Amino acid sequence: MKTWILRIRAENRIIFNQIKSGRKKVETRAFGFTKTGKNFRSVQKGDTLLFMCSRARLRKKVKKIKKFRTIDVFFEKVNQKLVWPHLERRTLSEIKKQYYAYPGYKERIWKHGLVAFWI
């Protein structure tokens, strides 16, 4: 089994804390190569995700992994509360705006889709 590093920005510490508490059950990433050359296409059930937020570290096993072609399809199939337990229900437009705020995500999701890890 392999360990994959997933960085969470310090300003998104609440997401790290939600994962740590077990309230956040699904983590997502855009498919395609990142600026550092990572591609999450090879992640498998049973692999470990090492979440890093500043100096904090947290390991979680991948229980399930699924690829989605679009954000629309993902949120038709997956409850928002599994992804963002700390937020109120949001519109698809608001969700897309949040994803597209990450550098390169709009293009990578459009070209390759979105991957969801159940943790």
PDB file of N, CA and C in Angstrom:
ATOM      1  N   MET A   1       0.840  -1.180   0.000  1.00  0.00           N
ATOM      2  CA  MET A   1       0.000   0.000   0.000  1.00  0.00           C
ATOM      3  C   MET A   1       0.887   1.246   0.000  1.00  0.00           C
ATOM      4  N   LYS A   2       0.373   2.287  -0.576  1.00  0.00           N
ATOM      5  CA  LYS A   2       1.143   3.516  -0.749  1.00  0.00           C
ATOM      6  C   LYS A   2       0.575   4.632   0.121  1.00  0.00           C
ATOM      7  N   THR A   3       1.446   5.578   0.485  1.00  0.00           N
ATOM      8  CA  THR A   3       1.019   6.773   1.218  1.00  0.00           C
ATOM      9  C   THR A   3       1.055   7.965   0.273  1.00  0.00           C
ATOM     10  N   TRP A   4      -0.039   8.714   0.264  1.00  0.00           N
ATOM     11  CA  TRP A   4      -0.181   9.899  -0.579  1.00  0.00           C
ATOM     12  C   TRP A   4      -0.276  11.129   0.309  1.00  0.00           C
ATOM     13  N   ILE A   5       0.469  12.163  -0.013  1.00  0.00           N
ATOM     14  CA  ILE A   5       0.432  13.406   0.762  1.00  0.00           C
ATOM     15  C   ILE A   5      -0.597  14.346   0.154  1.00  0.00           C
ATOM     16  N   LEU A   6      -1.500  14.809   1.005  1.00  0.00           N
ATOM     17  CA  LEU A   6      -2.501  15.793   0.598  1.00  0.00           C
ATOM     18  C   LEU A   6      -2.334  17.006   1.497  1.00  0.00           C
ATOM     19  N   ARG A   7      -1.977  18.112   0.908  1.00  0.00           N
ATOM     20  CA  ARG A   7      -1.763  19.338   1.680  1.00  0.00           C
ATOM     21  C   ARG A   7      -3.063  20.131   1.788  1.00  0.00           C
ATOM     22  N   ILE A   8      -3.260  20.676   2.968  1.00  0.00           N
ATOM     23  CA  ILE A   8      -4.404  21.546   3.223  1.00  0.00           C
ATOM     24  C   ILE A   8      -3.846  22.885   3.666  1.00  0.00           C
ATOM     25  N   ARG A   9      -4.263  23.941   2.990  1.00  0.00           N
ATOM     26  CA  ARG A   9      -3.757  25.277   3.305  1.00  0.00           C
ATOM     27  C   ARG A   9      -4.130  25.671   4.731  1.00  0.00           C
ATOM     28  N   ALA A  10      -3.246  26.441   5.367  1.00  0.00           N
ATOM     29  CA  ALA A  10      -3.467  26.878   6.754  1.00  0.00           C
ATOM     30  C   ALA A  10      -4.793  27.610   6.911  1.00  0.00           C
ATOM     31  N   GLU A  11      -5.184  28.386   5.908  1.00  0.00           N
ATOM     32  CA  GLU A  11      -6.457  29.116   6.019  1.00  0.00           C
ATOM     33  C   GLU A  11      -7.665  28.175   5.947  1.00  0.00           C
ATOM     34  N   ASN A  12      -7.428  26.915   5.553  1.00  0.00           N
ATOM     35  CA  ASN A  12      -8.493  25.907   5.523  1.00  0.00           C
ATOM     36  C   ASN A  12      -8.351  24.905   6.674  1.00  0.00           C
ATOM     37  N   ARG A  13      -7.795  25.358   7.768  1.00  0.00           N
ATOM     38  CA  ARG A  13      -7.560  24.501   8.937  1.00  0.00           C
ATOM     39  C   ARG A  13      -8.844  23.803   9.402  1.00  0.00           C
ATOM     40  N   ILE A  14      -9.971  24.454   9.251  1.00  0.00           N
ATOM     41  CA  ILE A  14     -11.240  23.852   9.665  1.00  0.00           C
ATOM     42  C   ILE A  14     -11.477  22.526   8.936  1.00  0.00           C
ATOM     43  N   ILE A  15     -11.051  22.435   7.686  1.00  0.00           N
ATOM     44  CA  ILE A  15     -11.199  21.191   6.926  1.00  0.00           C
ATOM     45  C   ILE A  15     -10.348  20.097   7.558  1.00  0.00           C
ATOM     46  N   PHE A  16      -9.105  20.420   7.893  1.00  0.00           N
ATOM     47  CA  PHE A  16      -8.220  19.463   8.564  1.00  0.00           C
ATOM     48  C   PHE A  16      -8.860  18.986   9.866  1.00  0.00           C
ATOM     49  N   ASN A  17      -9.391  19.922  10.640  1.00  0.00           N
ATOM     50  CA  ASN A  17     -10.014  19.567  11.920  1.00  0.00           C
ATOM     51  C   ASN A  17     -11.253  18.698  11.731  1.00  0.00           C
ATOM     52  N   GLN A  18     -12.010  18.934  10.658  1.00  0.00           N
ATOM     53  CA  GLN A  18     -13.188  18.106  10.371  1.00  0.00           C
ATOM     54  C   GLN A  18     -12.777  16.676  10.006  1.00  0.00           C
ATOM     55  N   ILE A  19     -11.680  16.532   9.293  1.00  0.00           N
ATOM     56  CA  ILE A  19     -11.157  15.199   8.963  1.00  0.00           C
ATOM     57  C   ILE A  19     -10.704  14.512  10.245  1.00  0.00           C
ATOM     58  N   LYS A  20      -9.963  15.242  11.061  1.00  0.00           N
ATOM     59  CA  LYS A  20      -9.441  14.699  12.318  1.00  0.00           C
ATOM     60  C   LYS A  20     -10.564  14.223  13.236  1.00  0.00           C
ATOM     61  N   SER A  21     -11.642  14.984  13.315  1.00  0.00           N
ATOM     62  CA  SER A  21     -12.757  14.631  14.198  1.00  0.00           C
ATOM     63  C   SER A  21     -13.614  13.495  13.633  1.00  0.00           C
ATOM     64  N   GLY A  22     -13.432  13.184  12.352  1.00  0.00           N
ATOM     65  CA  GLY A  22     -14.227  12.132  11.723  1.00  0.00           C
ATOM     66  C   GLY A  22     -15.528  12.622  11.117  1.00  0.00           C
ATOM     67  N   ARG A  23     -15.799  13.913  11.216  1.00  0.00           N
ATOM     68  CA  ARG A  23     -17.041  14.459  10.649  1.00  0.00           C
ATOM     69  C   ARG A  23     -16.977  14.559   9.124  1.00  0.00           C
ATOM     70  N   LYS A  24     -15.794  14.851   8.592  1.00  0.00           N
ATOM     71  CA  LYS A  24     -15.625  14.924   7.129  1.00  0.00           C
ATOM     72  C   LYS A  24     -15.288  13.519   6.647  1.00  0.00           C
ATOM     73  N   LYS A  25     -16.161  12.957   5.845  1.00  0.00           N
ATOM     74  CA  LYS A  25     -16.029  11.560   5.411  1.00  0.00           C
ATOM     75  C   LYS A  25     -15.477  11.407   3.998  1.00  0.00           C
ATOM     76  N   VAL A  26     -15.541  12.492   3.206  1.00  0.00           N
ATOM     77  CA  VAL A  26     -15.103  12.428   1.809  1.00  0.00           C
ATOM     78  C   VAL A  26     -14.183  13.608   1.514  1.00  0.00           C
ATOM     79  N   GLU A  27     -13.019  13.304   0.969  1.00  0.00           N
ATOM     80  CA  GLU A  27     -12.075  14.338   0.519  1.00  0.00           C
ATOM     81  C   GLU A  27     -12.012  14.262  -1.001  1.00  0.00           C
ATOM     82  N   THR A  28     -11.937  15.400  -1.657  1.00  0.00           N
ATOM     83  CA  THR A  28     -11.897  15.424  -3.121  1.00  0.00           C
ATOM     84  C   THR A  28     -10.632  16.117  -3.619  1.00  0.00           C
ATOM     85  N   ARG A  29     -10.251  15.744  -4.825  1.00  0.00           N
ATOM     86  CA  ARG A  29      -9.159  16.397  -5.529  1.00  0.00           C
ATOM     87  C   ARG A  29      -9.489  16.390  -7.019  1.00  0.00           C
ATOM     88  N   ALA A  30      -8.938  17.355  -7.738  1.00  0.00           N
ATOM     89  CA  ALA A  30      -9.069  17.378  -9.198  1.00  0.00           C
ATOM     90  C   ALA A  30      -8.109  16.344  -9.768  1.00  0.00           C
ATOM     91  N   PHE A  31      -8.566  15.590 -10.762  1.00  0.00           N
ATOM     92  CA  PHE A  31      -7.675  14.672 -11.466  1.00  0.00           C
ATOM     93  C   PHE A  31      -6.736  15.465 -12.356  1.00  0.00           C
ATOM     94  N   GLY A  32      -5.729  14.785 -12.875  1.00  0.00           N
ATOM     95  CA  GLY A  32      -4.736  15.429 -13.718  1.00  0.00           C
ATOM     96  C   GLY A  32      -3.509  15.763 -12.889  1.00  0.00           C
ATOM     97  N   PHE A  33      -2.444  16.119 -13.540  1.00  0.00           N
ATOM     98  CA  PHE A  33      -1.189  16.393 -12.851  1.00  0.00           C
ATOM     99  C   PHE A  33      -1.206  17.749 -12.155  1.00  0.00           C
ATOM    100  N   THR A  34      -0.713  17.767 -10.913  1.00  0.00           N
ATOM    101  CA  THR A  34      -0.563  19.016 -10.174  1.00  0.00           C
ATOM    102  C   THR A  34       0.724  19.694 -10.629  1.00  0.00           C
ATOM    103  N   LYS A  35       0.976  20.882 -10.109  1.00  0.00           N
ATOM    104  CA  LYS A  35       2.219  21.591 -10.443  1.00  0.00           C
ATOM    105  C   LYS A  35       3.444  20.811  -9.983  1.00  0.00           C
ATOM    106  N   THR A  36       3.295  20.012  -8.923  1.00  0.00           N
ATOM    107  CA  THR A  36       4.418  19.228  -8.403  1.00  0.00           C
ATOM    108  C   THR A  36       4.502  17.845  -9.048  1.00  0.00           C
ATOM    109  N   GLY A  37       3.629  17.587 -10.027  1.00  0.00           N
ATOM    110  CA  GLY A  37       3.691  16.324 -10.753  1.00  0.00           C
ATOM    111  C   GLY A  37       2.841  15.202 -10.179  1.00  0.00           C
ATOM    112  N   LYS A  38       2.086  15.478  -9.125  1.00  0.00           N
ATOM    113  CA  LYS A  38       1.216  14.451  -8.542  1.00  0.00           C
ATOM    114  C   LYS A  38       0.018  14.204  -9.438  1.00  0.00           C
ATOM    115  N   ASN A  39      -0.394  12.948  -9.463  1.00  0.00           N
ATOM    116  CA  ASN A  39      -1.622  12.572 -10.156  1.00  0.00           C
ATOM    117  C   ASN A  39      -2.291  11.508  -9.293  1.00  0.00           C
ATOM    118  N   PHE A  40      -3.492  11.766  -8.833  1.00  0.00           N
ATOM    119  CA  PHE A  40      -4.168  10.874  -7.900  1.00  0.00           C
ATOM    120  C   PHE A  40      -4.860   9.698  -8.584  1.00  0.00           C
ATOM    121  N   ARG A  41      -4.602   9.498  -9.862  1.00  0.00           N
ATOM    122  CA  ARG A  41      -5.222   8.412 -10.621  1.00  0.00           C
ATOM    123  C   ARG A  41      -4.839   7.035 -10.069  1.00  0.00           C
ATOM    124  N   SER A  42      -3.677   6.924  -9.451  1.00  0.00           N
ATOM    125  CA  SER A  42      -3.191   5.624  -8.983  1.00  0.00           C
ATOM    126  C   SER A  42      -3.578   5.297  -7.539  1.00  0.00           C
ATOM    127  N   VAL A  43      -4.254   6.201  -6.849  1.00  0.00           N
ATOM    128  CA  VAL A  43      -4.660   5.929  -5.469  1.00  0.00           C
ATOM    129  C   VAL A  43      -5.634   4.756  -5.469  1.00  0.00           C
ATOM    130  N   GLN A  44      -5.434   3.841  -4.509  1.00  0.00           N
ATOM    131  CA  GLN A  44      -6.278   2.655  -4.427  1.00  0.00           C
ATOM    132  C   GLN A  44      -6.887   2.516  -3.040  1.00  0.00           C
ATOM    133  N   LYS A  45      -7.967   1.757  -2.967  1.00  0.00           N
ATOM    134  CA  LYS A  45      -8.573   1.418  -1.683  1.00  0.00           C
ATOM    135  C   LYS A  45      -7.499   0.762  -0.816  1.00  0.00           C
ATOM    136  N   GLY A  46      -7.391   1.203   0.442  1.00  0.00           N
ATOM    137  CA  GLY A  46      -6.380   0.662   1.344  1.00  0.00           C
ATOM    138  C   GLY A  46      -5.133   1.520   1.441  1.00  0.00           C
ATOM    139  N   ASP A  47      -4.900   2.397   0.461  1.00  0.00           N
ATOM    140  CA  ASP A  47      -3.773   3.328   0.546  1.00  0.00           C
ATOM    141  C   ASP A  47      -4.003   4.287   1.709  1.00  0.00           C
ATOM    142  N   THR A  48      -2.937   4.949   2.124  1.00  0.00           N
ATOM    143  CA  THR A  48      -3.014   5.922   3.210  1.00  0.00           C
ATOM    144  C   THR A  48      -2.917   7.331   2.645  1.00  0.00           C
ATOM    145  N   LEU A  49      -3.791   8.205   3.134  1.00  0.00           N
ATOM    146  CA  LEU A  49      -3.699   9.628   2.814  1.00  0.00           C
ATOM    147  C   LEU A  49      -3.081  10.312   4.018  1.00  0.00           C
ATOM    148  N   LEU A  50      -1.974  11.008   3.791  1.00  0.00           N
ATOM    149  CA  LEU A  50      -1.322  11.781   4.845  1.00  0.00           C
ATOM    150  C   LEU A  50      -1.705  13.236   4.633  1.00  0.00           C
ATOM    151  N   PHE A  51      -2.600  13.726   5.483  1.00  0.00           N
ATOM    152  CA  PHE A  51      -3.041  15.113   5.403  1.00  0.00           C
ATOM    153  C   PHE A  51      -2.050  15.973   6.164  1.00  0.00           C
ATOM    154  N   MET A  52      -1.625  17.071   5.540  1.00  0.00           N
ATOM    155  CA  MET A  52      -0.681  17.994   6.157  1.00  0.00           C
ATOM    156  C   MET A  52      -1.262  19.399   6.121  1.00  0.00           C
ATOM    157  N   CYS A  53      -1.309  20.018   7.298  1.00  0.00           N
ATOM    158  CA  CYS A  53      -1.788  21.394   7.418  1.00  0.00           C
ATOM    159  C   CYS A  53      -0.814  22.106   8.349  1.00  0.00           C
ATOM    160  N   SER A  54       0.025  22.957   7.787  1.00  0.00           N
ATOM    161  CA  SER A  54       1.137  23.558   8.526  1.00  0.00           C
ATOM    162  C   SER A  54       1.974  22.422   9.109  1.00  0.00           C
ATOM    163  N   ARG A  55       2.133  22.376  10.426  1.00  0.00           N
ATOM    164  CA  ARG A  55       2.930  21.302  11.041  1.00  0.00           C
ATOM    165  C   ARG A  55       2.102  20.086  11.443  1.00  0.00           C
ATOM    166  N   ALA A  56       0.801  20.218  11.401  1.00  0.00           N
ATOM    167  CA  ALA A  56      -0.083  19.120  11.805  1.00  0.00           C
ATOM    168  C   ALA A  56      -0.111  18.028  10.736  1.00  0.00           C
ATOM    169  N   ARG A  57      -0.146  16.785  11.192  1.00  0.00           N
ATOM    170  CA  ARG A  57      -0.181  15.621  10.312  1.00  0.00           C
ATOM    171  C   ARG A  57      -1.302  14.689  10.761  1.00  0.00           C
ATOM    172  N   LEU A  58      -1.908  14.017   9.794  1.00  0.00           N
ATOM    173  CA  LEU A  58      -2.995  13.093  10.092  1.00  0.00           C
ATOM    174  C   LEU A  58      -3.052  12.042   8.992  1.00  0.00           C
ATOM    175  N   ARG A  59      -3.107  10.778   9.394  1.00  0.00           N
ATOM    176  CA  ARG A  59      -3.183   9.675   8.429  1.00  0.00           C
ATOM    177  C   ARG A  59      -4.578   9.065   8.440  1.00  0.00           C
ATOM    178  N   LYS A  60      -5.097   8.818   7.230  1.00  0.00           N
ATOM    179  CA  LYS A  60      -6.400   8.166   7.076  1.00  0.00           C
ATOM    180  C   LYS A  60      -6.304   7.148   5.944  1.00  0.00           C
ATOM    181  N   LYS A  61      -6.928   5.994   6.147  1.00  0.00           N
ATOM    182  CA  LYS A  61      -6.982   4.958   5.106  1.00  0.00           C
ATOM    183  C   LYS A  61      -8.097   5.272   4.110  1.00  0.00           C
ATOM    184  N   VAL A  62      -7.849   4.975   2.858  1.00  0.00           N
ATOM    185  CA  VAL A  62      -8.864   5.136   1.820  1.00  0.00           C
ATOM    186  C   VAL A  62      -9.787   3.915   1.887  1.00  0.00           C
ATOM    187  N   LYS A  63     -11.063   4.165   2.201  1.00  0.00           N
ATOM    188  CA  LYS A  63     -12.055   3.089   2.282  1.00  0.00           C
ATOM    189  C   LYS A  63     -12.696   2.822   0.925  1.00  0.00           C
ATOM    190  N   LYS A  64     -12.815   3.871   0.144  1.00  0.00           N
ATOM    191  CA  LYS A  64     -13.457   3.779  -1.172  1.00  0.00           C
ATOM    192  C   LYS A  64     -12.940   4.941  -2.005  1.00  0.00           C
ATOM    193  N   ILE A  65     -12.854   4.741  -3.292  1.00  0.00           N
ATOM    194  CA  ILE A  65     -12.426   5.805  -4.203  1.00  0.00           C
ATOM    195  C   ILE A  65     -13.324   5.758  -5.439  1.00  0.00           C
ATOM    196  N   LYS A  66     -13.694   6.928  -5.908  1.00  0.00           N
ATOM    197  CA  LYS A  66     -14.567   6.984  -7.088  1.00  0.00           C
ATOM    198  C   LYS A  66     -14.257   8.244  -7.883  1.00  0.00           C
ATOM    199  N   LYS A  67     -14.248   8.084  -9.197  1.00  0.00           N
ATOM    200  CA  LYS A  67     -14.012   9.208 -10.101  1.00  0.00           C
ATOM    201  C   LYS A  67     -15.348   9.722 -10.621  1.00  0.00           C
ATOM    202  N   PHE A  68     -15.441  11.045 -10.739  1.00  0.00           N
ATOM    203  CA  PHE A  68     -16.632  11.688 -11.281  1.00  0.00           C
ATOM    204  C   PHE A  68     -16.210  12.598 -12.422  1.00  0.00           C
ATOM    205  N   ARG A  69     -16.967  12.593 -13.480  1.00  0.00           N
ATOM    206  CA  ARG A  69     -16.628  13.394 -14.662  1.00  0.00           C
ATOM    207  C   ARG A  69     -16.777  14.890 -14.410  1.00  0.00           C
ATOM    208  N   THR A  70     -17.782  15.263 -13.606  1.00  0.00           N
ATOM    209  CA  THR A  70     -18.020  16.684 -13.343  1.00  0.00           C
ATOM    210  C   THR A  70     -18.403  16.899 -11.880  1.00  0.00           C
ATOM    211  N   ILE A  71     -18.315  18.136 -11.444  1.00  0.00           N
ATOM    212  CA  ILE A  71     -18.768  18.515 -10.106  1.00  0.00           C
ATOM    213  C   ILE A  71     -20.273  18.277  -9.996  1.00  0.00           C
ATOM    214  N   ASP A  72     -21.002  18.567 -11.054  1.00  0.00           N
ATOM    215  CA  ASP A  72     -22.461  18.378 -11.063  1.00  0.00           C
ATOM    216  C   ASP A  72     -22.827  16.933 -10.743  1.00  0.00           C
ATOM    217  N   VAL A  73     -22.192  15.993 -11.435  1.00  0.00           N
ATOM    218  CA  VAL A  73     -22.482  14.573 -11.228  1.00  0.00           C
ATOM    219  C   VAL A  73     -22.090  14.156  -9.816  1.00  0.00           C
ATOM    220  N   PHE A  74     -20.947  14.631  -9.348  1.00  0.00           N
ATOM    221  CA  PHE A  74     -20.492  14.292  -7.997  1.00  0.00           C
ATOM    222  C   PHE A  74     -21.541  14.670  -6.957  1.00  0.00           C
ATOM    223  N   PHE A  75     -22.030  15.903  -7.021  1.00  0.00           N
ATOM    224  CA  PHE A  75     -22.973  16.350  -6.000  1.00  0.00           C
ATOM    225  C   PHE A  75     -24.407  15.867  -6.238  1.00  0.00           C
ATOM    226  N   GLU A  76     -24.673  15.251  -7.391  1.00  0.00           N
ATOM    227  CA  GLU A  76     -25.945  14.533  -7.570  1.00  0.00           C
ATOM    228  C   GLU A  76     -25.903  13.219  -6.794  1.00  0.00           C
ATOM    229  N   LYS A  77     -24.707  12.637  -6.678  1.00  0.00           N
ATOM    230  CA  LYS A  77     -24.538  11.312  -6.078  1.00  0.00           C
ATOM    231  C   LYS A  77     -24.099  11.346  -4.611  1.00  0.00           C
ATOM    232  N   VAL A  78     -23.420  12.428  -4.195  1.00  0.00           N
ATOM    233  CA  VAL A  78     -22.819  12.476  -2.857  1.00  0.00           C
ATOM    234  C   VAL A  78     -23.391  13.646  -2.066  1.00  0.00           C
ATOM    235  N   ASN A  79     -23.787  13.381  -0.846  1.00  0.00           N
ATOM    236  CA  ASN A  79     -24.327  14.410   0.046  1.00  0.00           C
ATOM    237  C   ASN A  79     -23.243  15.434   0.389  1.00  0.00           C
ATOM    238  N   GLN A  80     -23.560  16.700   0.252  1.00  0.00           N
ATOM    239  CA  GLN A  80     -22.609  17.782   0.553  1.00  0.00           C
ATOM    240  C   GLN A  80     -22.051  17.684   1.969  1.00  0.00           C
ATOM    241  N   LYS A  81     -22.851  17.229   2.917  1.00  0.00           N
ATOM    242  CA  LYS A  81     -22.423  17.165   4.322  1.00  0.00           C
ATOM    243  C   LYS A  81     -21.272  16.185   4.534  1.00  0.00           C
ATOM    244  N   LEU A  82     -21.090  15.228   3.631  1.00  0.00           N
ATOM    245  CA  LEU A  82     -19.952  14.321   3.732  1.00  0.00           C
ATOM    246  C   LEU A  82     -18.655  15.027   3.359  1.00  0.00           C
ATOM    247  N   VAL A  83     -18.772  16.056   2.533  1.00  0.00           N
ATOM    248  CA  VAL A  83     -17.604  16.802   2.053  1.00  0.00           C
ATOM    249  C   VAL A  83     -17.346  18.034   2.917  1.00  0.00           C
ATOM    250  N   TRP A  84     -18.400  18.759   3.251  1.00  0.00           N
ATOM    251  CA  TRP A  84     -18.296  19.985   4.051  1.00  0.00           C
ATOM    252  C   TRP A  84     -19.284  19.941   5.221  1.00  0.00           C
ATOM    253  N   PRO A  85     -18.991  19.167   6.261  1.00  0.00           N
ATOM    254  CA  PRO A  85     -19.941  19.035   7.374  1.00  0.00           C
ATOM    255  C   PRO A  85     -20.160  20.331   8.147  1.00  0.00           C
ATOM    256  N   HIS A  86     -19.249  21.267   8.018  1.00  0.00           N
ATOM    257  CA  HIS A  86     -19.315  22.517   8.783  1.00  0.00           C
ATOM    258  C   HIS A  86     -20.082  23.629   8.058  1.00  0.00           C
ATOM    259  N   LEU A  87     -20.537  23.377   6.831  1.00  0.00           N
ATOM    260  CA  LEU A  87     -21.212  24.417   6.051  1.00  0.00           C
ATOM    261  C   LEU A  87     -22.679  24.076   5.814  1.00  0.00           C
ATOM    262  N   GLU A  88     -23.464  25.117   5.615  1.00  0.00           N
ATOM    263  CA  GLU A  88     -24.863  24.934   5.228  1.00  0.00           C
ATOM    264  C   GLU A  88     -24.915  24.444   3.781  1.00  0.00           C
ATOM    265  N   ARG A  89     -26.030  23.874   3.404  1.00  0.00           N
ATOM    266  CA  ARG A  89     -26.204  23.414   2.019  1.00  0.00           C
ATOM    267  C   ARG A  89     -26.001  24.590   1.062  1.00  0.00           C
ATOM    268  N   ARG A  90     -25.305  24.320  -0.038  1.00  0.00           N
ATOM    269  CA  ARG A  90     -24.958  25.376  -0.981  1.00  0.00           C
ATOM    270  C   ARG A  90     -25.444  25.037  -2.374  1.00  0.00           C
ATOM    271  N   THR A  91     -25.548  26.076  -3.184  1.00  0.00           N
ATOM    272  CA  THR A  91     -25.958  25.869  -4.574  1.00  0.00           C
ATOM    273  C   THR A  91     -24.780  25.317  -5.372  1.00  0.00           C
ATOM    274  N   LEU A  92     -25.086  24.716  -6.495  1.00  0.00           N
ATOM    275  CA  LEU A  92     -24.044  24.188  -7.368  1.00  0.00           C
ATOM    276  C   LEU A  92     -23.110  25.298  -7.836  1.00  0.00           C
ATOM    277  N   SER A  93     -23.647  26.461  -8.076  1.00  0.00           N
ATOM    278  CA  SER A  93     -22.841  27.611  -8.488  1.00  0.00           C
ATOM    279  C   SER A  93     -21.830  27.989  -7.399  1.00  0.00           C
ATOM    280  N   GLU A  94     -22.260  27.988  -6.150  1.00  0.00           N
ATOM    281  CA  GLU A  94     -21.357  28.303  -5.030  1.00  0.00           C
ATOM    282  C   GLU A  94     -20.282  27.232  -4.875  1.00  0.00           C
ATOM    283  N   ILE A  95     -20.671  25.991  -5.060  1.00  0.00           N
ATOM    284  CA  ILE A  95     -19.725  24.874  -4.952  1.00  0.00           C
ATOM    285  C   ILE A  95     -18.647  24.994  -6.027  1.00  0.00           C
ATOM    286  N   LYS A  96     -19.066  25.245  -7.262  1.00  0.00           N
ATOM    287  CA  LYS A  96     -18.096  25.382  -8.354  1.00  0.00           C
ATOM    288  C   LYS A  96     -17.144  26.540  -8.092  1.00  0.00           C
ATOM    289  N   LYS A  97     -17.668  27.637  -7.604  1.00  0.00           N
ATOM    290  CA  LYS A  97     -16.830  28.798  -7.305  1.00  0.00           C
ATOM    291  C   LYS A  97     -15.750  28.428  -6.287  1.00  0.00           C
ATOM    292  N   GLN A  98     -16.115  27.630  -5.282  1.00  0.00           N
ATOM    293  CA  GLN A  98     -15.141  27.214  -4.273  1.00  0.00           C
ATOM    294  C   GLN A  98     -14.065  26.316  -4.888  1.00  0.00           C
ATOM    295  N   TYR A  99     -14.465  25.333  -5.683  1.00  0.00           N
ATOM    296  CA  TYR A  99     -13.481  24.451  -6.322  1.00  0.00           C
ATOM    297  C   TYR A  99     -12.570  25.235  -7.261  1.00  0.00           C
ATOM    298  N   TYR A 100     -13.144  26.119  -8.053  1.00  0.00           N
ATOM    299  CA  TYR A 100     -12.366  26.845  -9.050  1.00  0.00           C
ATOM    300  C   TYR A 100     -11.427  27.883  -8.435  1.00  0.00           C
ATOM    301  N   ALA A 101     -11.571  28.150  -7.148  1.00  0.00           N
ATOM    302  CA  ALA A 101     -10.663  29.073  -6.463  1.00  0.00           C
ATOM    303  C   ALA A 101      -9.273  28.454  -6.278  1.00  0.00           C
ATOM    304  N   TYR A 102      -9.180  27.130  -6.333  1.00  0.00           N
ATOM    305  CA  TYR A 102      -7.881  26.466  -6.210  1.00  0.00           C
ATOM    306  C   TYR A 102      -7.156  26.553  -7.549  1.00  0.00           C
ATOM    307  N   PRO A 103      -5.869  26.891  -7.532  1.00  0.00           N
ATOM    308  CA  PRO A 103      -5.115  27.054  -8.778  1.00  0.00           C
ATOM    309  C   PRO A 103      -5.161  25.802  -9.662  1.00  0.00           C
ATOM    310  N   GLY A 104      -5.560  25.990 -10.903  1.00  0.00           N
ATOM    311  CA  GLY A 104      -5.578  24.917 -11.887  1.00  0.00           C
ATOM    312  C   GLY A 104      -6.759  23.964 -11.811  1.00  0.00           C
ATOM    313  N   TYR A 105      -7.601  24.092 -10.787  1.00  0.00           N
ATOM    314  CA  TYR A 105      -8.696  23.137 -10.605  1.00  0.00           C
ATOM    315  C   TYR A 105      -9.729  23.200 -11.723  1.00  0.00           C
ATOM    316  N   LYS A 106     -10.084  24.380 -12.162  1.00  0.00           N
ATOM    317  CA  LYS A 106     -11.119  24.497 -13.195  1.00  0.00           C
ATOM    318  C   LYS A 106     -10.709  23.723 -14.445  1.00  0.00           C
ATOM    319  N   GLU A 107      -9.493  23.921 -14.896  1.00  0.00           N
ATOM    320  CA  GLU A 107      -8.997  23.262 -16.097  1.00  0.00           C
ATOM    321  C   GLU A 107      -8.856  21.761 -15.885  1.00  0.00           C
ATOM    322  N   ARG A 108      -8.301  21.364 -14.733  1.00  0.00           N
ATOM    323  CA  ARG A 108      -8.091  19.938 -14.472  1.00  0.00           C
ATOM    324  C   ARG A 108      -9.415  19.194 -14.323  1.00  0.00           C
ATOM    325  N   ILE A 109     -10.378  19.800 -13.646  1.00  0.00           N
ATOM    326  CA  ILE A 109     -11.685  19.146 -13.507  1.00  0.00           C
ATOM    327  C   ILE A 109     -12.363  19.061 -14.874  1.00  0.00           C
ATOM    328  N   TRP A 110     -12.289  20.124 -15.647  1.00  0.00           N
ATOM    329  CA  TRP A 110     -12.904  20.127 -16.974  1.00  0.00           C
ATOM    330  C   TRP A 110     -12.293  19.046 -17.862  1.00  0.00           C
ATOM    331  N   LYS A 111     -10.961  18.887 -17.805  1.00  0.00           N
ATOM    332  CA  LYS A 111     -10.275  17.917 -18.661  1.00  0.00           C
ATOM    333  C   LYS A 111     -10.331  16.487 -18.139  1.00  0.00           C
ATOM    334  N   HIS A 112     -10.194  16.329 -16.803  1.00  0.00           N
ATOM    335  CA  HIS A 112      -9.981  14.991 -16.242  1.00  0.00           C
ATOM    336  C   HIS A 112     -11.033  14.537 -15.232  1.00  0.00           C
ATOM    337  N   GLY A 113     -11.781  15.470 -14.661  1.00  0.00           N
ATOM    338  CA  GLY A 113     -12.783  15.094 -13.667  1.00  0.00           C
ATOM    339  C   GLY A 113     -12.300  15.286 -12.237  1.00  0.00           C
ATOM    340  N   LEU A 114     -13.064  14.716 -11.331  1.00  0.00           N
ATOM    341  CA  LEU A 114     -12.864  14.889  -9.893  1.00  0.00           C
ATOM    342  C   LEU A 114     -12.756  13.505  -9.264  1.00  0.00           C
ATOM    343  N   VAL A 115     -11.876  13.350  -8.287  1.00  0.00           N
ATOM    344  CA  VAL A 115     -11.770  12.081  -7.578  1.00  0.00           C
ATOM    345  C   VAL A 115     -12.216  12.296  -6.133  1.00  0.00           C
ATOM    346  N   ALA A 116     -12.957  11.330  -5.607  1.00  0.00           N
ATOM    347  CA  ALA A 116     -13.437  11.400  -4.225  1.00  0.00           C
ATOM    348  C   ALA A 116     -12.870  10.218  -3.448  1.00  0.00           C
ATOM    349  N   PHE A 117     -12.340  10.519  -2.263  1.00  0.00           N
ATOM    350  CA  PHE A 117     -11.807   9.498  -1.367  1.00  0.00           C
ATOM    351  C   PHE A 117     -12.706   9.423  -0.141  1.00  0.00           C
ATOM    352  N   TRP A 118     -13.287   8.256   0.116  1.00  0.00           N
ATOM    353  CA  TRP A 118     -14.018   8.052   1.366  1.00  0.00           C
ATOM    354  C   TRP A 118     -12.987   7.633   2.404  1.00  0.00           C
ATOM    355  N   ILE A 119     -12.950   8.349   3.530  1.00  0.00           N
ATOM    356  CA  ILE A 119     -11.911   8.123   4.539  1.00  0.00           C
ATOM    357  C   ILE A 119     -12.521   7.794   5.899  1.00  0.00           C
TER     358      ILE A 119
END
